[in-house]
Protein backbone atom coordinates (compact mmCIF):
# COMPACT_ATOMS: atom_id res chain seq x y z
CA MET A 1 -0.72 15.07 17.86
CA ASP A 2 2.59 13.76 16.51
CA ILE A 3 1.81 11.02 13.96
CA ASP A 4 4.25 8.33 12.81
CA GLU A 5 3.77 8.51 9.03
CA ASP A 6 5.75 5.27 8.54
CA LYS A 7 3.13 3.38 10.57
CA ILE A 8 0.35 4.98 8.51
CA ASP A 9 2.17 3.92 5.33
CA GLU A 10 2.55 0.35 6.63
CA ALA A 11 -1.15 0.10 7.48
CA ALA A 12 -2.12 1.53 4.07
CA LEU A 13 0.16 -0.93 2.28
CA ALA A 14 -1.30 -3.80 4.32
CA LEU A 15 -4.83 -2.72 3.36
CA MET A 16 -3.80 -2.61 -0.29
CA TYR A 17 -3.12 -6.35 0.02
CA LEU A 18 -6.75 -6.79 1.04
CA THR A 19 -7.94 -5.22 -2.24
CA LEU A 20 -5.33 -6.90 -4.44
CA HIS A 21 -6.50 -8.01 -7.90
CA ASP A 22 -4.78 -9.03 -11.15
CA HIS A 23 -1.88 -10.24 -8.96
CA TYR A 24 -0.32 -6.81 -8.39
CA ARG A 25 -3.00 -4.10 -8.61
CA ALA A 26 -4.81 -2.59 -5.62
CA TRP A 27 -7.61 -0.06 -5.39
CA LYS A 28 -6.22 3.38 -4.56
CA GLN A 29 -8.75 4.69 -2.12
CA ILE A 30 -5.93 5.78 0.16
CA ASP A 31 -4.98 9.37 0.95
CA TRP A 32 -2.87 11.00 -1.80
CA GLU A 33 -0.08 11.91 0.61
CA VAL A 34 0.20 8.28 1.66
CA THR A 35 0.27 6.95 -1.91
CA ASN A 36 2.90 9.55 -2.81
CA ARG A 37 5.09 8.39 0.10
CA LEU A 38 4.63 4.74 -0.89
CA HIS A 39 5.69 5.68 -4.42
CA GLU A 40 8.75 7.55 -3.10
CA LYS A 41 9.68 4.44 -1.09
CA GLY A 42 9.49 2.34 -4.27
CA LEU A 43 6.57 0.20 -3.07
CA ILE A 44 4.02 1.25 -5.71
CA CYS A 45 4.27 2.65 -9.21
CA ASP A 46 3.35 6.28 -9.84
CA PRO A 47 -0.15 6.74 -8.36
CA VAL A 48 -0.97 9.83 -10.43
CA GLY A 49 -3.50 9.17 -13.19
CA LYS A 50 -7.10 8.40 -13.94
CA THR A 51 -6.99 4.69 -13.11
CA LYS A 52 -8.69 3.67 -9.91
CA SER A 53 -5.92 1.28 -8.91
CA VAL A 54 -2.18 1.35 -8.35
CA VAL A 55 0.47 -1.19 -9.29
CA LEU A 56 2.55 -2.61 -6.47
CA THR A 57 6.23 -3.19 -7.18
CA ASP A 58 7.69 -6.63 -6.42
CA GLU A 59 9.01 -5.30 -3.10
CA GLY A 60 5.69 -3.59 -2.41
CA LEU A 61 3.81 -6.81 -3.02
CA LYS A 62 6.08 -8.74 -0.62
CA GLN A 63 5.83 -6.09 2.09
CA SER A 64 2.09 -5.71 1.59
CA GLU A 65 1.48 -9.41 2.25
CA MET A 66 3.88 -9.49 5.20
CA LEU A 67 2.31 -6.40 6.80
CA PHE A 68 -1.23 -7.67 6.18
CA ASN A 69 -0.41 -10.90 8.03
CA LYS A 70 1.44 -9.04 10.80
CA LEU A 71 -1.34 -6.54 11.43
CA PHE A 72 -4.51 -8.49 10.77
CA ALA A 73 -3.97 -12.28 11.08
CA LYS A 74 -5.44 -13.95 14.14
CA LYS A 75 -2.82 -15.59 16.34
């Protein structure tokens, strides 16, 4: 199956908004390949480390909220 990785990344970023805490941290229970791509896109800080959360950049935080509302808000 041919998978659109950008759509996977968008869904993962939207779900990070759901677990947001301390204003800009989200639990990193997302696949490593996805978090690496989000880091390469400048949406989260380096996900490598022992912490169980990642830090969203300002742009990542904005996109995370927008995608969460787009994908999961009732209309």
